[in-house]
N, C-alpha and C. Protein backbone atom coordinates (compact mmCIF):
# COMPACT_ATOMS: atom_id res chain seq x y z
N MET A 1 0.80 -1.20 0.00
CA MET A 1 0.04 -0.01 0.06
C MET A 1 0.90 1.23 -0.04
N SER A 2 2.14 1.15 0.14
CA SER A 2 2.95 2.26 0.08
C SER A 2 3.24 2.82 -1.27
N HIS A 3 2.83 2.16 -2.30
CA HIS A 3 3.05 2.63 -3.71
C HIS A 3 1.96 3.77 -3.94
N PRO A 4 2.36 4.86 -4.64
CA PRO A 4 1.42 5.96 -4.76
C PRO A 4 0.19 5.59 -5.59
N ALA A 5 0.15 4.60 -6.40
CA ALA A 5 -0.98 4.24 -7.24
C ALA A 5 -1.95 3.33 -6.55
N VAL A 6 -1.68 2.80 -5.38
CA VAL A 6 -2.53 1.76 -4.60
C VAL A 6 -3.23 2.52 -3.53
N GLU A 7 -4.66 2.32 -3.53
CA GLU A 7 -5.46 2.87 -2.48
C GLU A 7 -5.49 1.86 -1.30
N GLU A 8 -5.65 0.52 -1.60
CA GLU A 8 -5.67 -0.45 -0.53
C GLU A 8 -5.31 -1.82 -1.14
N ALA A 9 -4.84 -2.81 -0.28
CA ALA A 9 -4.38 -4.05 -0.82
C ALA A 9 -4.64 -5.13 0.21
N ALA A 10 -4.70 -6.38 -0.30
CA ALA A 10 -4.78 -7.49 0.60
C ALA A 10 -4.07 -8.60 -0.12
N VAL A 11 -3.35 -9.38 0.73
CA VAL A 11 -2.50 -10.49 0.23
C VAL A 11 -3.05 -11.80 0.82
N ILE A 12 -2.95 -12.85 -0.05
CA ILE A 12 -3.32 -14.21 0.27
C ILE A 12 -2.18 -15.12 -0.31
N GLY A 13 -2.19 -16.31 0.29
CA GLY A 13 -1.15 -17.32 -0.28
C GLY A 13 -1.91 -18.06 -1.38
N ARG A 14 -1.15 -18.52 -2.40
CA ARG A 14 -1.69 -19.26 -3.49
C ARG A 14 -0.63 -20.24 -3.90
N MET A 15 -1.02 -21.41 -4.16
CA MET A 15 -0.08 -22.48 -4.61
C MET A 15 0.33 -22.31 -6.09
N ASP A 16 1.61 -22.46 -6.40
CA ASP A 16 2.08 -22.32 -7.67
C ASP A 16 2.11 -23.78 -8.29
N GLU A 17 2.63 -23.86 -9.53
CA GLU A 17 2.63 -25.20 -10.25
C GLU A 17 3.54 -26.23 -9.54
N ASP A 18 4.42 -25.76 -8.68
CA ASP A 18 5.35 -26.60 -7.92
C ASP A 18 4.89 -27.01 -6.54
N GLY A 19 3.64 -26.50 -6.25
CA GLY A 19 3.09 -26.81 -4.94
C GLY A 19 3.54 -25.95 -3.81
N LEU A 20 4.24 -24.88 -4.11
CA LEU A 20 4.71 -23.86 -3.09
C LEU A 20 3.70 -22.73 -3.00
N THR A 21 3.55 -22.23 -1.84
CA THR A 21 2.67 -21.09 -1.50
C THR A 21 3.42 -19.83 -1.85
N LYS A 22 2.83 -19.01 -2.73
CA LYS A 22 3.40 -17.70 -3.11
C LYS A 22 2.32 -16.58 -2.86
N PRO A 23 2.77 -15.34 -2.72
CA PRO A 23 1.83 -14.27 -2.53
C PRO A 23 1.08 -13.87 -3.77
N THR A 24 -0.20 -13.72 -3.60
CA THR A 24 -1.10 -13.09 -4.49
C THR A 24 -1.68 -11.82 -3.89
N VAL A 25 -1.65 -10.68 -4.64
CA VAL A 25 -2.09 -9.44 -4.02
C VAL A 25 -3.38 -8.94 -4.85
N PHE A 26 -4.31 -8.54 -4.04
CA PHE A 26 -5.54 -7.88 -4.63
C PHE A 26 -5.39 -6.41 -4.28
N ILE A 27 -5.40 -5.59 -5.37
CA ILE A 27 -5.25 -4.12 -5.10
C ILE A 27 -6.47 -3.37 -5.69
N VAL A 28 -6.74 -2.22 -4.92
CA VAL A 28 -7.67 -1.24 -5.40
C VAL A 28 -6.82 -0.03 -5.73
N LEU A 29 -6.97 0.42 -6.96
CA LEU A 29 -6.17 1.56 -7.48
C LEU A 29 -6.79 2.96 -6.99
N LYS A 30 -5.97 3.89 -6.76
CA LYS A 30 -6.45 5.25 -6.44
C LYS A 30 -7.19 5.85 -7.68
N ASP A 31 -6.59 5.58 -8.85
CA ASP A 31 -7.18 6.04 -10.14
C ASP A 31 -7.48 4.94 -11.00
N PRO A 32 -8.85 4.58 -11.12
CA PRO A 32 -9.24 3.38 -11.84
C PRO A 32 -8.84 3.41 -13.36
N GLY A 33 -8.52 4.62 -13.85
CA GLY A 33 -8.29 4.75 -15.22
C GLY A 33 -6.75 4.42 -15.57
N VAL A 34 -5.96 4.09 -14.55
CA VAL A 34 -4.56 3.70 -14.83
C VAL A 34 -4.46 2.37 -15.52
N ASP A 35 -3.52 2.26 -16.43
CA ASP A 35 -3.38 0.96 -17.09
C ASP A 35 -2.72 -0.10 -16.13
N ALA A 36 -3.62 -0.93 -15.58
CA ALA A 36 -3.14 -1.89 -14.54
C ALA A 36 -2.05 -2.86 -15.02
N ALA A 37 -2.16 -3.36 -16.26
CA ALA A 37 -1.15 -4.21 -16.84
C ALA A 37 0.25 -3.59 -16.84
N ALA A 38 0.36 -2.30 -17.16
CA ALA A 38 1.58 -1.62 -17.19
C ALA A 38 2.16 -1.38 -15.81
N LEU A 39 1.31 -1.34 -14.79
CA LEU A 39 1.64 -1.10 -13.41
C LEU A 39 2.19 -2.37 -12.69
N HIS A 40 1.91 -3.60 -13.28
CA HIS A 40 2.24 -4.81 -12.53
C HIS A 40 3.69 -4.99 -12.31
N GLU A 41 4.61 -4.67 -13.30
CA GLU A 41 6.01 -4.73 -13.06
C GLU A 41 6.51 -3.70 -12.08
N GLU A 42 5.98 -2.50 -12.14
CA GLU A 42 6.36 -1.44 -11.31
C GLU A 42 6.04 -1.88 -9.89
N LEU A 43 4.91 -2.49 -9.59
CA LEU A 43 4.45 -2.90 -8.30
C LEU A 43 5.42 -4.04 -7.74
N ARG A 44 5.78 -4.96 -8.62
CA ARG A 44 6.65 -6.01 -8.18
C ARG A 44 7.99 -5.49 -7.86
N ALA A 45 8.50 -4.54 -8.61
CA ALA A 45 9.85 -3.91 -8.28
C ALA A 45 9.75 -3.12 -6.97
N HIS A 46 8.63 -2.38 -6.74
CA HIS A 46 8.46 -1.63 -5.54
C HIS A 46 8.48 -2.55 -4.32
N VAL A 47 7.73 -3.69 -4.45
CA VAL A 47 7.71 -4.60 -3.22
C VAL A 47 9.13 -5.25 -3.00
N LYS A 48 9.79 -5.58 -4.14
CA LYS A 48 11.17 -6.21 -3.94
C LYS A 48 12.09 -5.13 -3.19
N ALA A 49 11.94 -3.90 -3.57
CA ALA A 49 12.80 -2.85 -2.92
C ALA A 49 12.41 -2.57 -1.53
N THR A 50 11.20 -2.70 -1.19
CA THR A 50 10.75 -2.22 0.13
C THR A 50 10.58 -3.40 1.15
N ALA A 51 10.18 -4.54 0.67
CA ALA A 51 9.82 -5.64 1.53
C ALA A 51 10.84 -6.87 1.49
N GLY A 52 11.46 -6.99 0.32
CA GLY A 52 12.33 -8.15 0.22
C GLY A 52 12.14 -8.84 -1.13
N LEU A 53 13.14 -9.35 -1.66
CA LEU A 53 13.08 -10.07 -2.97
C LEU A 53 12.13 -11.17 -3.01
N TRP A 54 12.08 -11.97 -2.00
CA TRP A 54 11.22 -13.13 -1.89
C TRP A 54 9.79 -12.93 -1.59
N LYS A 55 9.47 -11.68 -1.26
CA LYS A 55 8.05 -11.32 -0.86
C LYS A 55 7.15 -10.76 -1.98
N TYR A 56 7.84 -10.53 -3.15
CA TYR A 56 7.09 -9.89 -4.23
C TYR A 56 5.89 -10.77 -4.66
N PRO A 57 4.77 -10.13 -5.08
CA PRO A 57 3.56 -10.90 -5.44
C PRO A 57 3.78 -11.57 -6.86
N ARG A 58 3.48 -12.82 -6.90
CA ARG A 58 3.64 -13.51 -8.14
C ARG A 58 2.40 -13.25 -9.10
N TRP A 59 1.32 -13.05 -8.45
CA TRP A 59 0.06 -12.65 -9.16
C TRP A 59 -0.54 -11.37 -8.58
N ILE A 60 -0.95 -10.48 -9.50
CA ILE A 60 -1.57 -9.26 -9.02
C ILE A 60 -2.98 -9.19 -9.65
N GLU A 61 -3.99 -8.98 -8.79
CA GLU A 61 -5.37 -8.89 -9.30
C GLU A 61 -5.89 -7.49 -8.94
N VAL A 62 -6.35 -6.73 -9.99
CA VAL A 62 -6.84 -5.43 -9.71
C VAL A 62 -8.39 -5.59 -9.53
N VAL A 63 -8.89 -5.08 -8.44
CA VAL A 63 -10.35 -5.20 -8.11
C VAL A 63 -10.87 -3.78 -7.77
N GLU A 64 -12.27 -3.69 -7.96
CA GLU A 64 -12.83 -2.38 -7.61
C GLU A 64 -12.91 -2.09 -6.20
N ASP A 65 -13.10 -3.16 -5.38
CA ASP A 65 -13.16 -3.08 -3.93
C ASP A 65 -12.85 -4.41 -3.32
N LEU A 66 -12.48 -4.39 -2.01
CA LEU A 66 -12.14 -5.66 -1.28
C LEU A 66 -13.30 -6.08 -0.51
N PRO A 67 -13.68 -7.37 -0.57
CA PRO A 67 -14.88 -7.74 0.29
C PRO A 67 -14.61 -7.63 1.74
N ARG A 68 -15.52 -7.01 2.47
CA ARG A 68 -15.35 -6.70 3.89
C ARG A 68 -16.59 -7.20 4.68
N THR A 69 -16.27 -7.48 6.00
CA THR A 69 -17.42 -7.72 6.96
C THR A 69 -18.11 -6.45 7.35
N VAL A 70 -19.15 -6.54 8.02
CA VAL A 70 -19.88 -5.38 8.52
C VAL A 70 -18.96 -4.43 9.35
N THR A 71 -17.98 -5.01 10.07
CA THR A 71 -17.01 -4.24 10.85
C THR A 71 -15.82 -3.76 10.05
N GLY A 72 -15.77 -4.05 8.80
CA GLY A 72 -14.71 -3.51 7.98
C GLY A 72 -13.50 -4.39 7.75
N LYS A 73 -13.53 -5.69 8.35
CA LYS A 73 -12.41 -6.54 8.20
C LYS A 73 -12.46 -7.25 6.78
N ILE A 74 -11.28 -7.34 6.26
CA ILE A 74 -11.24 -7.97 4.77
C ILE A 74 -11.51 -9.44 4.93
N GLN A 75 -12.42 -9.88 4.05
CA GLN A 75 -12.82 -11.28 4.00
C GLN A 75 -11.90 -12.05 3.04
N ARG A 76 -10.77 -12.52 3.54
CA ARG A 76 -9.81 -13.15 2.70
C ARG A 76 -10.32 -14.51 2.12
N PHE A 77 -11.24 -15.12 2.80
CA PHE A 77 -11.80 -16.35 2.36
C PHE A 77 -12.44 -16.17 1.00
N LYS A 78 -13.09 -15.01 0.79
CA LYS A 78 -13.70 -14.65 -0.50
C LYS A 78 -12.63 -14.41 -1.56
N LEU A 79 -11.55 -13.87 -1.28
CA LEU A 79 -10.48 -13.72 -2.19
C LEU A 79 -9.89 -15.04 -2.58
N ARG A 80 -9.66 -15.88 -1.63
CA ARG A 80 -9.15 -17.22 -1.94
C ARG A 80 -10.11 -17.98 -2.79
N ALA A 81 -11.41 -17.88 -2.55
CA ALA A 81 -12.42 -18.48 -3.43
C ALA A 81 -12.44 -17.99 -4.83
N SER A 82 -12.13 -16.68 -4.92
CA SER A 82 -12.11 -16.17 -6.35
C SER A 82 -10.95 -16.61 -7.13
N VAL A 83 -9.86 -17.02 -6.46
CA VAL A 83 -8.71 -17.53 -7.13
C VAL A 83 -8.87 -19.03 -7.47
N THR A 84 -9.47 -19.74 -6.62
CA THR A 84 -9.64 -21.22 -6.77
C THR A 84 -10.84 -21.55 -7.56
N GLY A 85 -11.79 -20.56 -7.81
CA GLY A 85 -12.97 -20.84 -8.45
C GLY A 85 -14.18 -21.32 -7.66
N GLN A 86 -13.90 -21.47 -6.33
CA GLN A 86 -14.98 -21.86 -5.38
C GLN A 86 -15.75 -20.74 -4.96
N ALA A 87 -17.02 -20.72 -5.00
CA ALA A 87 -17.78 -19.52 -4.60
C ALA A 87 -18.67 -19.84 -3.34
């Protein structure tokens, strides 16, 4: 969320083709008109520089908003379901 283009973000673990859990990030952009595809590599580089080389997101999903409970907590189970196809 420290990147200037990101309004909010949530991270979940996701299995890659080797069976290893890697980060997937769901982001809400401050400006929805920004080309999200062009922003992906910039976001990966930003995370590598600020959080560490191994923590960068392997997958980046741009969403309009993050699913939340009535109290405002992010519902990560819904994000996981959107990745695995289970609803």
